[in-house]
Amino acid sequence: MECRSPSGLKGVRVIAVMAVAALILSGCSSTKLAYQYADWGIVWWVDDYIPMTDEQETRLEQDILALRDWHCSTELPRYSQWLAELKRDVRSGNLERATVSYHQEQLISFLSPLADRAKPAATRLLSSLSDKQVRELADNMAESQAELEEEFLAEDPKQTRQARAERTIERVERWLGSLNDSQTKVVEQWSDNRGRQTEIWLEGRQNWQQAFLGALEQRKAEGFAGKIDYLIDNNDQVRGPRYQQMMTDSRDSIAGLMTDLLKQADQPQLDHLLDQAATLRGDFITLTCTGEDAVKPTS
């Protein structure tokens, strides 16, 4: 994504919609750092839930390194091609809401191949767990769920909505800088309209975890890999119908929120966004595979 385009501020706005919609839920400050150290990050996350054996850790690290190498050599070029398509739409002035939704779906579509590639490694690790490890996993997941409910669900629904608005403002301001009063009201209204979204998200999370733990009870059975595949492929369905509806609504509402905020953006905010977008593009272009292979950016 280039900092300038013939479409002027319209180009800035559509790039902003895509960048912020894609990254609004991300807390990582550096794309490059997150990608290059994702292997250790995953190991740390698993260690948070399960004390692994040396053999399990060694195998997991090997699997994750292989996954990263595949992703770098196979998937990153696809992202470059998508960026080229996005740039063509920006340059042509094809910036209708339908175009923004199309590119949003393109971003989401990148997740499926990665999940498919990760399934064998996940199945190998999970099938090797002992009964003690599964019990610890269940206990730690329940503790994490309780902590999230305590953190995100206030006794007063109004407080829950306000907290959601504050989290959203914090994430958006990373890309736009400080919001003005009008934009802040837009976010607060958006949060009010999301109703019980936080509660439904936590409910869905718990539903998935219960299904996951149920599958682990059969981790030594022949059909275990299929059960893990199902949980990954049907993530939203497993989380329940309320969660499915919420996710459908959220995709559209987030795109709408970003568009509304950008319509009210002043020039310093757009300049700040351009700086952030330039940094993001630089991180993306300089991501390299292991060895001497590097992803060649598409112009």
C-alpha atoms as a PDB file:
ATOM      1  CA  MET A   1       0.000   0.000   0.000  1.00  0.00           C
ATOM      2  CA  GLU A   2       1.556   3.258  -1.034  1.00  0.00           C
ATOM      3  CA  CYS A   3       1.281   6.468   0.906  1.00  0.00           C
ATOM      4  CA  ARG A   4      -0.044   8.369  -2.074  1.00  0.00           C
ATOM      5  CA  SER A   5      -2.405   7.539  -4.899  1.00  0.00           C
ATOM      6  CA  PRO A   6      -4.127   9.421  -7.711  1.00  0.00           C
ATOM      7  CA  SER A   7      -7.368   9.015  -5.795  1.00  0.00           C
ATOM      8  CA  GLY A   8      -6.172  11.378  -3.070  1.00  0.00           C
ATOM      9  CA  LEU A   9      -8.030  11.242   0.225  1.00  0.00           C
ATOM     10  CA  LYS A  10     -10.456   8.637  -1.148  1.00  0.00           C
ATOM     11  CA  GLY A  11      -7.482   6.337  -1.588  1.00  0.00           C
ATOM     12  CA  VAL A  12      -6.336   7.050   1.929  1.00  0.00           C
ATOM     13  CA  ARG A  13      -9.767   6.231   3.273  1.00  0.00           C
ATOM     14  CA  VAL A  14     -10.137   2.834   1.586  1.00  0.00           C
ATOM     15  CA  ILE A  15      -6.625   1.841   2.655  1.00  0.00           C
ATOM     16  CA  ALA A  16      -7.528   2.939   6.157  1.00  0.00           C
ATOM     17  CA  VAL A  17     -10.675   0.843   6.191  1.00  0.00           C
ATOM     18  CA  MET A  18      -8.701  -2.241   5.243  1.00  0.00           C
ATOM     19  CA  ALA A  19      -5.732  -1.633   7.532  1.00  0.00           C
ATOM     20  CA  VAL A  20      -7.762  -0.778  10.593  1.00  0.00           C
ATOM     21  CA  ALA A  21     -10.428  -3.443  10.036  1.00  0.00           C
ATOM     22  CA  ALA A  22      -7.721  -6.064   9.636  1.00  0.00           C
ATOM     23  CA  LEU A  23      -5.671  -4.978  12.612  1.00  0.00           C
ATOM     24  CA  ILE A  24      -8.155  -3.467  15.052  1.00  0.00           C
ATOM     25  CA  LEU A  25      -8.114  -6.654  17.106  1.00  0.00           C
ATOM     26  CA  SER A  26      -4.327  -6.966  17.010  1.00  0.00           C
ATOM     27  CA  GLY A  27      -2.207  -5.759  19.890  1.00  0.00           C
ATOM     28  CA  CYS A  28       1.173  -6.422  18.302  1.00  0.00           C
ATOM     29  CA  SER A  29       3.248  -3.309  17.715  1.00  0.00           C
ATOM     30  CA  SER A  30       5.432  -4.776  14.986  1.00  0.00           C
ATOM     31  CA  THR A  31       4.274  -6.988  12.133  1.00  0.00           C
ATOM     32  CA  LYS A  32       7.828  -8.131  11.496  1.00  0.00           C
ATOM     33  CA  LEU A  33       8.451  -8.995  15.134  1.00  0.00           C
ATOM     34  CA  ALA A  34       5.151 -10.874  15.430  1.00  0.00           C
ATOM     35  CA  TYR A  35       5.861 -12.946  12.345  1.00  0.00           C
ATOM     36  CA  GLN A  36       9.519 -13.766  12.926  1.00  0.00           C
ATOM     37  CA  TYR A  37       8.959 -14.792  16.533  1.00  0.00           C
ATOM     38  CA  ALA A  38       5.571 -16.472  16.113  1.00  0.00           C
ATOM     39  CA  ASP A  39       7.179 -19.868  16.678  1.00  0.00           C
ATOM     40  CA  TRP A  40       8.367 -19.039  20.186  1.00  0.00           C
ATOM     41  CA  GLY A  41       5.160 -17.154  20.865  1.00  0.00           C
ATOM     42  CA  ILE A  42       3.073 -20.241  20.189  1.00  0.00           C
ATOM     43  CA  VAL A  43       5.312 -22.375  22.390  1.00  0.00           C
ATOM     44  CA  TRP A  44       4.960 -19.862  25.220  1.00  0.00           C
ATOM     45  CA  TRP A  45       1.168 -19.870  24.802  1.00  0.00           C
ATOM     46  CA  VAL A  46       0.992 -23.656  25.009  1.00  0.00           C
ATOM     47  CA  ASP A  47       3.311 -23.626  27.998  1.00  0.00           C
ATOM     48  CA  ASP A  48       0.912 -21.222  29.712  1.00  0.00           C
ATOM     49  CA  TYR A  49      -1.770 -23.909  29.583  1.00  0.00           C
ATOM     50  CA  ILE A  50       0.171 -27.168  29.558  1.00  0.00           C
ATOM     51  CA  PRO A  51       3.538 -28.062  31.153  1.00  0.00           C
ATOM     52  CA  MET A  52       4.950 -29.987  28.189  1.00  0.00           C
ATOM     53  CA  THR A  53       7.561 -32.721  28.169  1.00  0.00           C
ATOM     54  CA  ASP A  54      10.903 -32.158  26.463  1.00  0.00           C
ATOM     55  CA  GLU A  55       9.842 -34.456  23.651  1.00  0.00           C
ATOM     56  CA  GLN A  56       6.601 -32.538  23.110  1.00  0.00           C
ATOM     57  CA  GLU A  57       8.377 -29.198  23.066  1.00  0.00           C
ATOM     58  CA  THR A  58      10.969 -30.391  20.574  1.00  0.00           C
ATOM     59  CA  ARG A  59       8.346 -31.801  18.220  1.00  0.00           C
ATOM     60  CA  LEU A  60       6.161 -28.711  18.478  1.00  0.00           C
ATOM     61  CA  GLU A  61       9.063 -26.389  17.713  1.00  0.00           C
ATOM     62  CA  GLN A  62       9.938 -28.455  14.626  1.00  0.00           C
ATOM     63  CA  ASP A  63       6.334 -28.397  13.422  1.00  0.00           C
ATOM     64  CA  ILE A  64       6.008 -24.651  13.930  1.00  0.00           C
ATOM     65  CA  LEU A  65       9.261 -23.877  12.148  1.00  0.00           C
ATOM     66  CA  ALA A  66       8.048 -25.931   9.170  1.00  0.00           C
ATOM     67  CA  LEU A  67       4.718 -24.107   9.270  1.00  0.00           C
ATOM     68  CA  ARG A  68       6.441 -20.731   9.280  1.00  0.00           C
ATOM     69  CA  ASP A  69       8.673 -21.659   6.349  1.00  0.00           C
ATOM     70  CA  TRP A  70       5.664 -22.828   4.329  1.00  0.00           C
ATOM     71  CA  HIS A  71       3.693 -19.704   5.185  1.00  0.00           C
ATOM     72  CA  CYS A  72       6.543 -17.412   4.197  1.00  0.00           C
ATOM     73  CA  SER A  73       7.248 -19.084   0.857  1.00  0.00           C
ATOM     74  CA  THR A  74       3.658 -19.887  -0.137  1.00  0.00           C
ATOM     75  CA  GLU A  75       1.254 -17.451   1.524  1.00  0.00           C
ATOM     76  CA  LEU A  76       3.137 -14.162   1.670  1.00  0.00           C
ATOM     77  CA  PRO A  77       3.300 -13.948  -2.139  1.00  0.00           C
ATOM     78  CA  ARG A  78      -0.513 -14.286  -2.148  1.00  0.00           C
ATOM     79  CA  TYR A  79      -0.713 -11.337   0.205  1.00  0.00           C
ATOM     80  CA  SER A  80       1.468  -9.337  -2.169  1.00  0.00           C
ATOM     81  CA  GLN A  81      -0.877 -10.152  -5.047  1.00  0.00           C
ATOM     82  CA  TRP A  82      -3.840  -9.029  -2.964  1.00  0.00           C
ATOM     83  CA  LEU A  83      -2.080  -5.772  -2.143  1.00  0.00           C
ATOM     84  CA  ALA A  84      -1.514  -5.157  -5.852  1.00  0.00           C
ATOM     85  CA  GLU A  85      -5.244  -5.702  -6.486  1.00  0.00           C
ATOM     86  CA  LEU A  86      -6.148  -3.351  -3.670  1.00  0.00           C
ATOM     87  CA  LYS A  87      -3.823  -0.691  -5.065  1.00  0.00           C
ATOM     88  CA  ARG A  88      -5.415  -1.023  -8.502  1.00  0.00           C
ATOM     89  CA  ASP A  89      -8.852  -0.441  -6.983  1.00  0.00           C
ATOM     90  CA  VAL A  90      -7.566   2.601  -5.116  1.00  0.00           C
ATOM     91  CA  ARG A  91      -5.946   4.034  -8.230  1.00  0.00           C
ATOM     92  CA  SER A  92      -9.067   3.474 -10.327  1.00  0.00           C
ATOM     93  CA  GLY A  93     -11.302   5.127  -7.749  1.00  0.00           C
ATOM     94  CA  ASN A  94     -13.289   1.910  -7.263  1.00  0.00           C
ATOM     95  CA  LEU A  95     -13.927   2.625  -3.590  1.00  0.00           C
ATOM     96  CA  GLU A  96     -17.566   1.695  -3.096  1.00  0.00           C
ATOM     97  CA  ARG A  97     -18.671  -0.139   0.026  1.00  0.00           C
ATOM     98  CA  ALA A  98     -18.894  -3.354  -1.994  1.00  0.00           C
ATOM     99  CA  THR A  99     -15.208  -3.032  -2.853  1.00  0.00           C
ATOM    100  CA  VAL A 100     -14.273  -2.577   0.779  1.00  0.00           C
ATOM    101  CA  SER A 101     -16.335  -5.640   1.724  1.00  0.00           C
ATOM    102  CA  TYR A 102     -14.653  -7.666  -1.014  1.00  0.00           C
ATOM    103  CA  HIS A 103     -11.195  -6.855   0.283  1.00  0.00           C
ATOM    104  CA  GLN A 104     -12.310  -7.585   3.827  1.00  0.00           C
ATOM    105  CA  GLU A 105     -13.376 -11.048   2.692  1.00  0.00           C
ATOM    106  CA  GLN A 106     -10.038 -11.482   0.946  1.00  0.00           C
ATOM    107  CA  LEU A 107      -8.259 -10.861   4.240  1.00  0.00           C
ATOM    108  CA  ILE A 108     -10.470 -13.359   6.034  1.00  0.00           C
ATOM    109  CA  SER A 109      -9.863 -15.951   3.315  1.00  0.00           C
ATOM    110  CA  PHE A 110      -6.153 -15.992   4.116  1.00  0.00           C
ATOM    111  CA  LEU A 111      -6.867 -17.688   7.452  1.00  0.00           C
ATOM    112  CA  SER A 112      -8.210 -20.989   6.112  1.00  0.00           C
ATOM    113  CA  PRO A 113      -5.040 -22.274   4.369  1.00  0.00           C
ATOM    114  CA  LEU A 114      -2.989 -21.486   7.455  1.00  0.00           C
ATOM    115  CA  ALA A 115      -5.438 -23.324   9.708  1.00  0.00           C
ATOM    116  CA  ASP A 116      -5.464 -26.330   7.367  1.00  0.00           C
ATOM    117  CA  ARG A 117      -1.682 -26.480   7.355  1.00  0.00           C
ATOM    118  CA  ALA A 118      -1.540 -26.298  11.154  1.00  0.00           C
ATOM    119  CA  LYS A 119      -4.001 -29.148  11.763  1.00  0.00           C
ATOM    120  CA  PRO A 120      -1.496 -32.058  11.684  1.00  0.00           C
ATOM    121  CA  ALA A 121       0.826 -30.341  14.162  1.00  0.00           C
ATOM    122  CA  ALA A 122      -2.074 -29.551  16.479  1.00  0.00           C
ATOM    123  CA  THR A 123      -3.349 -33.124  16.294  1.00  0.00           C
ATOM    124  CA  ARG A 124       0.117 -34.568  17.008  1.00  0.00           C
ATOM    125  CA  LEU A 125       0.557 -32.432  20.091  1.00  0.00           C
ATOM    126  CA  LEU A 126      -2.944 -32.927  21.461  1.00  0.00           C
ATOM    127  CA  SER A 127      -2.951 -36.692  20.914  1.00  0.00           C
ATOM    128  CA  SER A 128       0.285 -36.942  22.921  1.00  0.00           C
ATOM    129  CA  LEU A 129      -1.162 -35.311  26.042  1.00  0.00           C
ATOM    130  CA  SER A 130      -1.341 -37.312  29.232  1.00  0.00           C
ATOM    131  CA  ASP A 131      -4.431 -37.438  31.448  1.00  0.00           C
ATOM    132  CA  LYS A 132      -2.696 -35.099  33.888  1.00  0.00           C
ATOM    133  CA  GLN A 133      -1.938 -32.594  31.135  1.00  0.00           C
ATOM    134  CA  VAL A 134      -5.557 -32.651  29.953  1.00  0.00           C
ATOM    135  CA  ARG A 135      -6.799 -32.012  33.491  1.00  0.00           C
ATOM    136  CA  GLU A 136      -4.385 -29.098  33.870  1.00  0.00           C
ATOM    137  CA  LEU A 137      -5.451 -27.758  30.484  1.00  0.00           C
ATOM    138  CA  ALA A 138      -9.119 -27.892  31.493  1.00  0.00           C
ATOM    139  CA  ASP A 139      -8.425 -26.178  34.819  1.00  0.00           C
ATOM    140  CA  ASN A 140      -6.342 -23.434  33.230  1.00  0.00           C
ATOM    141  CA  MET A 141      -8.878 -22.794  30.495  1.00  0.00           C
ATOM    142  CA  ALA A 142     -11.648 -22.488  33.077  1.00  0.00           C
ATOM    143  CA  GLU A 143      -9.523 -20.073  35.105  1.00  0.00           C
ATOM    144  CA  SER A 144      -8.806 -17.987  32.011  1.00  0.00           C
ATOM    145  CA  GLN A 145     -12.500 -17.886  31.141  1.00  0.00           C
ATOM    146  CA  ALA A 146     -13.407 -16.721  34.632  1.00  0.00           C
ATOM    147  CA  GLU A 147     -10.772 -13.983  34.497  1.00  0.00           C
ATOM    148  CA  LEU A 148     -12.076 -12.719  31.154  1.00  0.00           C
ATOM    149  CA  GLU A 149     -15.650 -12.685  32.420  1.00  0.00           C
ATOM    150  CA  GLU A 150     -14.564 -10.722  35.473  1.00  0.00           C
ATOM    151  CA  GLU A 151     -12.584  -8.288  33.335  1.00  0.00           C
ATOM    152  CA  PHE A 152     -15.073  -7.712  30.524  1.00  0.00           C
ATOM    153  CA  LEU A 153     -18.501  -8.213  32.083  1.00  0.00           C
ATOM    154  CA  ALA A 154     -19.494  -5.476  34.502  1.00  0.00           C
ATOM    155  CA  GLU A 155     -22.566  -5.879  36.676  1.00  0.00           C
ATOM    156  CA  ASP A 156     -24.057  -2.849  34.922  1.00  0.00           C
ATOM    157  CA  PRO A 157     -24.572  -3.435  31.153  1.00  0.00           C
ATOM    158  CA  LYS A 158     -23.894   0.256  30.577  1.00  0.00           C
ATOM    159  CA  GLN A 159     -20.449  -0.146  32.101  1.00  0.00           C
ATOM    160  CA  THR A 160     -19.781  -3.143  29.854  1.00  0.00           C
ATOM    161  CA  ARG A 161     -20.682  -1.086  26.773  1.00  0.00           C
ATOM    162  CA  GLN A 162     -18.543   1.814  27.929  1.00  0.00           C
ATOM    163  CA  ALA A 163     -15.573  -0.457  28.546  1.00  0.00           C
ATOM    164  CA  ARG A 164     -15.998  -1.920  25.049  1.00  0.00           C
ATOM    165  CA  ALA A 165     -16.052   1.587  23.595  1.00  0.00           C
ATOM    166  CA  GLU A 166     -12.876   2.498  25.478  1.00  0.00           C
ATOM    167  CA  ARG A 167     -11.071  -0.603  24.189  1.00  0.00           C
ATOM    168  CA  THR A 168     -12.160   0.184  20.642  1.00  0.00           C
ATOM    169  CA  ILE A 169     -11.040   3.808  20.918  1.00  0.00           C
ATOM    170  CA  GLU A 170      -7.639   2.715  22.195  1.00  0.00           C
ATOM    171  CA  ARG A 171      -7.150   0.365  19.232  1.00  0.00           C
ATOM    172  CA  VAL A 172      -8.383   2.850  16.636  1.00  0.00           C
ATOM    173  CA  GLU A 173      -6.218   5.645  18.018  1.00  0.00           C
ATOM    174  CA  ARG A 174      -3.144   3.579  17.311  1.00  0.00           C
ATOM    175  CA  TRP A 175      -3.901   4.095  13.609  1.00  0.00           C
ATOM    176  CA  LEU A 176      -5.654   7.476  13.548  1.00  0.00           C
ATOM    177  CA  GLY A 177      -4.179   9.243  16.552  1.00  0.00           C
ATOM    178  CA  SER A 178      -6.451  10.942  19.078  1.00  0.00           C
ATOM    179  CA  LEU A 179     -10.125  10.897  18.125  1.00  0.00           C
ATOM    180  CA  ASN A 180     -12.148  14.080  18.185  1.00  0.00           C
ATOM    181  CA  ASP A 181     -15.364  14.455  20.160  1.00  0.00           C
ATOM    182  CA  SER A 182     -17.547  13.567  17.191  1.00  0.00           C
ATOM    183  CA  GLN A 183     -15.597  10.406  16.452  1.00  0.00           C
ATOM    184  CA  THR A 184     -15.685   9.402  20.099  1.00  0.00           C
ATOM    185  CA  LYS A 185     -19.469   9.665  20.024  1.00  0.00           C
ATOM    186  CA  VAL A 186     -19.540   7.489  16.903  1.00  0.00           C
ATOM    187  CA  VAL A 187     -17.602   4.766  18.726  1.00  0.00           C
ATOM    188  CA  GLU A 188     -19.799   5.047  21.812  1.00  0.00           C
ATOM    189  CA  GLN A 189     -22.945   4.760  19.697  1.00  0.00           C
ATOM    190  CA  TRP A 190     -21.453   1.779  17.874  1.00  0.00           C
ATOM    191  CA  SER A 191     -20.694   0.104  21.205  1.00  0.00           C
ATOM    192  CA  ASP A 192     -24.247   0.728  22.434  1.00  0.00           C
ATOM    193  CA  ASN A 193     -25.614  -0.836  19.261  1.00  0.00           C
ATOM    194  CA  ARG A 194     -23.522  -3.966  19.739  1.00  0.00           C
ATOM    195  CA  GLY A 195     -25.785  -4.918  22.628  1.00  0.00           C
ATOM    196  CA  ARG A 196     -24.595  -8.089  24.396  1.00  0.00           C
ATOM    197  CA  GLN A 197     -21.700  -8.750  22.024  1.00  0.00           C
ATOM    198  CA  THR A 198     -19.106  -9.201  24.766  1.00  0.00           C
ATOM    199  CA  GLU A 199     -21.325 -11.649  26.644  1.00  0.00           C
ATOM    200  CA  ILE A 200     -22.017 -13.616  23.456  1.00  0.00           C
ATOM    201  CA  TRP A 201     -18.312 -13.723  22.597  1.00  0.00           C
ATOM    202  CA  LEU A 202     -17.494 -15.169  26.016  1.00  0.00           C
ATOM    203  CA  GLU A 203     -20.387 -17.617  25.776  1.00  0.00           C
ATOM    204  CA  GLY A 204     -19.131 -18.796  22.386  1.00  0.00           C
ATOM    205  CA  ARG A 205     -15.620 -19.133  23.702  1.00  0.00           C
ATOM    206  CA  GLN A 206     -16.828 -21.362  26.499  1.00  0.00           C
ATOM    207  CA  ASN A 207     -18.930 -23.471  24.098  1.00  0.00           C
ATOM    208  CA  TRP A 208     -15.904 -24.101  21.898  1.00  0.00           C
ATOM    209  CA  GLN A 209     -13.688 -24.963  24.845  1.00  0.00           C
ATOM    210  CA  GLN A 210     -16.206 -27.501  26.132  1.00  0.00           C
ATOM    211  CA  ALA A 211     -16.381 -29.133  22.697  1.00  0.00           C
ATOM    212  CA  PHE A 212     -12.598 -29.116  22.508  1.00  0.00           C
ATOM    213  CA  LEU A 213     -12.199 -30.768  25.898  1.00  0.00           C
ATOM    214  CA  GLY A 214     -14.819 -33.328  24.898  1.00  0.00           C
ATOM    215  CA  ALA A 215     -12.767 -34.177  21.805  1.00  0.00           C
ATOM    216  CA  LEU A 216      -9.642 -34.559  23.939  1.00  0.00           C
ATOM    217  CA  GLU A 217     -11.337 -37.351  25.854  1.00  0.00           C
ATOM    218  CA  GLN A 218     -11.063 -39.365  22.630  1.00  0.00           C
ATOM    219  CA  ARG A 219      -7.528 -38.276  21.684  1.00  0.00           C
ATOM    220  CA  LYS A 220      -6.292 -41.874  21.457  1.00  0.00           C
ATOM    221  CA  ALA A 221      -9.131 -42.961  19.191  1.00  0.00           C
ATOM    222  CA  GLU A 222      -8.748 -43.370  15.449  1.00  0.00           C
ATOM    223  CA  GLY A 223     -11.119 -40.529  14.550  1.00  0.00           C
ATOM    224  CA  PHE A 224      -9.488 -37.897  16.759  1.00  0.00           C
ATOM    225  CA  ALA A 225      -7.873 -35.970  13.889  1.00  0.00           C
ATOM    226  CA  GLY A 226     -11.277 -35.597  12.263  1.00  0.00           C
ATOM    227  CA  LYS A 227     -12.719 -34.147  15.461  1.00  0.00           C
ATOM    228  CA  ILE A 228      -9.960 -31.522  15.651  1.00  0.00           C
ATOM    229  CA  ASP A 229     -10.442 -30.722  11.967  1.00  0.00           C
ATOM    230  CA  TYR A 230     -14.153 -30.211  12.616  1.00  0.00           C
ATOM    231  CA  LEU A 231     -13.531 -27.856  15.536  1.00  0.00           C
ATOM    232  CA  ILE A 232     -11.187 -25.760  13.413  1.00  0.00           C
ATOM    233  CA  ASP A 233     -13.257 -25.783  10.231  1.00  0.00           C
ATOM    234  CA  ASN A 234     -16.551 -25.102  12.013  1.00  0.00           C
ATOM    235  CA  ASN A 235     -15.335 -22.733  14.666  1.00  0.00           C
ATOM    236  CA  ASP A 236     -18.301 -20.352  14.509  1.00  0.00           C
ATOM    237  CA  GLN A 237     -20.913 -23.119  14.429  1.00  0.00           C
ATOM    238  CA  VAL A 238     -19.398 -24.849  17.454  1.00  0.00           C
ATOM    239  CA  ARG A 239     -19.580 -21.583  19.363  1.00  0.00           C
ATOM    240  CA  GLY A 240     -23.324 -21.484  18.900  1.00  0.00           C
ATOM    241  CA  PRO A 241     -26.021 -19.733  16.829  1.00  0.00           C
ATOM    242  CA  ARG A 242     -25.858 -16.502  18.815  1.00  0.00           C
ATOM    243  CA  TYR A 243     -22.124 -16.316  18.171  1.00  0.00           C
ATOM    244  CA  GLN A 244     -22.605 -17.056  14.462  1.00  0.00           C
ATOM    245  CA  GLN A 245     -25.114 -14.229  14.114  1.00  0.00           C
ATOM    246  CA  MET A 246     -22.902 -11.877  16.076  1.00  0.00           C
ATOM    247  CA  MET A 247     -19.912 -12.552  13.808  1.00  0.00           C
ATOM    248  CA  THR A 248     -22.004 -12.001  10.690  1.00  0.00           C
ATOM    249  CA  ASP A 249     -23.228  -8.695  12.071  1.00  0.00           C
ATOM    250  CA  SER A 250     -19.790  -7.684  13.344  1.00  0.00           C
ATOM    251  CA  ARG A 251     -18.050  -7.898   9.981  1.00  0.00           C
ATOM    252  CA  ASP A 252     -20.433  -5.374   8.502  1.00  0.00           C
ATOM    253  CA  SER A 253     -20.575  -3.181  11.585  1.00  0.00           C
ATOM    254  CA  ILE A 254     -16.789  -2.891  11.910  1.00  0.00           C
ATOM    255  CA  ALA A 255     -16.448  -1.860   8.275  1.00  0.00           C
ATOM    256  CA  GLY A 256     -19.226   0.666   8.828  1.00  0.00           C
ATOM    257  CA  LEU A 257     -17.588   1.982  11.969  1.00  0.00           C
ATOM    258  CA  MET A 258     -14.265   2.479  10.218  1.00  0.00           C
ATOM    259  CA  THR A 259     -15.934   4.235   7.302  1.00  0.00           C
ATOM    260  CA  ASP A 260     -17.849   6.591   9.615  1.00  0.00           C
ATOM    261  CA  LEU A 261     -14.711   7.437  11.591  1.00  0.00           C
ATOM    262  CA  LEU A 262     -12.725   8.156   8.462  1.00  0.00           C
ATOM    263  CA  LYS A 263     -15.405  10.409   7.017  1.00  0.00           C
ATOM    264  CA  GLN A 264     -14.834  12.635  10.049  1.00  0.00           C
ATOM    265  CA  ALA A 265     -11.045  12.366  10.046  1.00  0.00           C
ATOM    266  CA  ASP A 266      -8.997  15.552   9.817  1.00  0.00           C
ATOM    267  CA  GLN A 267      -5.723  15.869   7.918  1.00  0.00           C
ATOM    268  CA  PRO A 268      -3.418  15.200  10.921  1.00  0.00           C
ATOM    269  CA  GLN A 269      -5.306  11.956  11.566  1.00  0.00           C
ATOM    270  CA  LEU A 270      -4.970  10.923   7.927  1.00  0.00           C
ATOM    271  CA  ASP A 271      -1.270  11.804   8.005  1.00  0.00           C
ATOM    272  CA  HIS A 272      -0.858   9.672  11.126  1.00  0.00           C
ATOM    273  CA  LEU A 273      -2.661   6.824   9.398  1.00  0.00           C
ATOM    274  CA  LEU A 274      -0.440   7.137   6.342  1.00  0.00           C
ATOM    275  CA  ASP A 275       2.637   6.875   8.552  1.00  0.00           C
ATOM    276  CA  GLN A 276       1.254   3.741  10.204  1.00  0.00           C
ATOM    277  CA  ALA A 277       0.283   2.232   6.845  1.00  0.00           C
ATOM    278  CA  ALA A 278       3.759   2.937   5.472  1.00  0.00           C
ATOM    279  CA  THR A 279       5.332   1.197   8.447  1.00  0.00           C
ATOM    280  CA  LEU A 280       3.013  -1.764   8.026  1.00  0.00           C
ATOM    281  CA  ARG A 281       3.825  -2.061   4.334  1.00  0.00           C
ATOM    282  CA  GLY A 282       7.539  -1.829   5.084  1.00  0.00           C
ATOM    283  CA  ASP A 283       7.274  -4.621   7.630  1.00  0.00           C
ATOM    284  CA  PHE A 284       5.362  -6.764   5.170  1.00  0.00           C
ATOM    285  CA  ILE A 285       7.830  -6.263   2.320  1.00  0.00           C
ATOM    286  CA  THR A 286      10.878  -7.046   4.445  1.00  0.00           C
ATOM    287  CA  LEU A 287       9.521 -10.295   5.892  1.00  0.00           C
ATOM    288  CA  THR A 288      11.884 -13.012   4.696  1.00  0.00           C
ATOM    289  CA  CYS A 289      11.840 -16.786   4.595  1.00  0.00           C
ATOM    290  CA  THR A 290      14.478 -18.875   6.283  1.00  0.00           C
ATOM    291  CA  GLY A 291      17.746 -19.013   4.439  1.00  0.00           C
ATOM    292  CA  GLU A 292      18.130 -16.607   1.547  1.00  0.00           C
ATOM    293  CA  ASP A 293      14.616 -16.846   0.115  1.00  0.00           C
ATOM    294  CA  ALA A 294      12.697 -13.601   0.331  1.00  0.00           C
ATOM    295  CA  VAL A 295       9.213 -12.554  -0.614  1.00  0.00           C
ATOM    296  CA  LYS A 296       9.285 -10.308  -3.645  1.00  0.00           C
ATOM    297  CA  PRO A 297       6.735  -7.492  -3.377  1.00  0.00           C
ATOM    298  CA  THR A 298       4.315  -7.166  -6.266  1.00  0.00           C
ATOM    299  CA  SER A 299       4.209  -3.708  -7.774  1.00  0.00           C
END
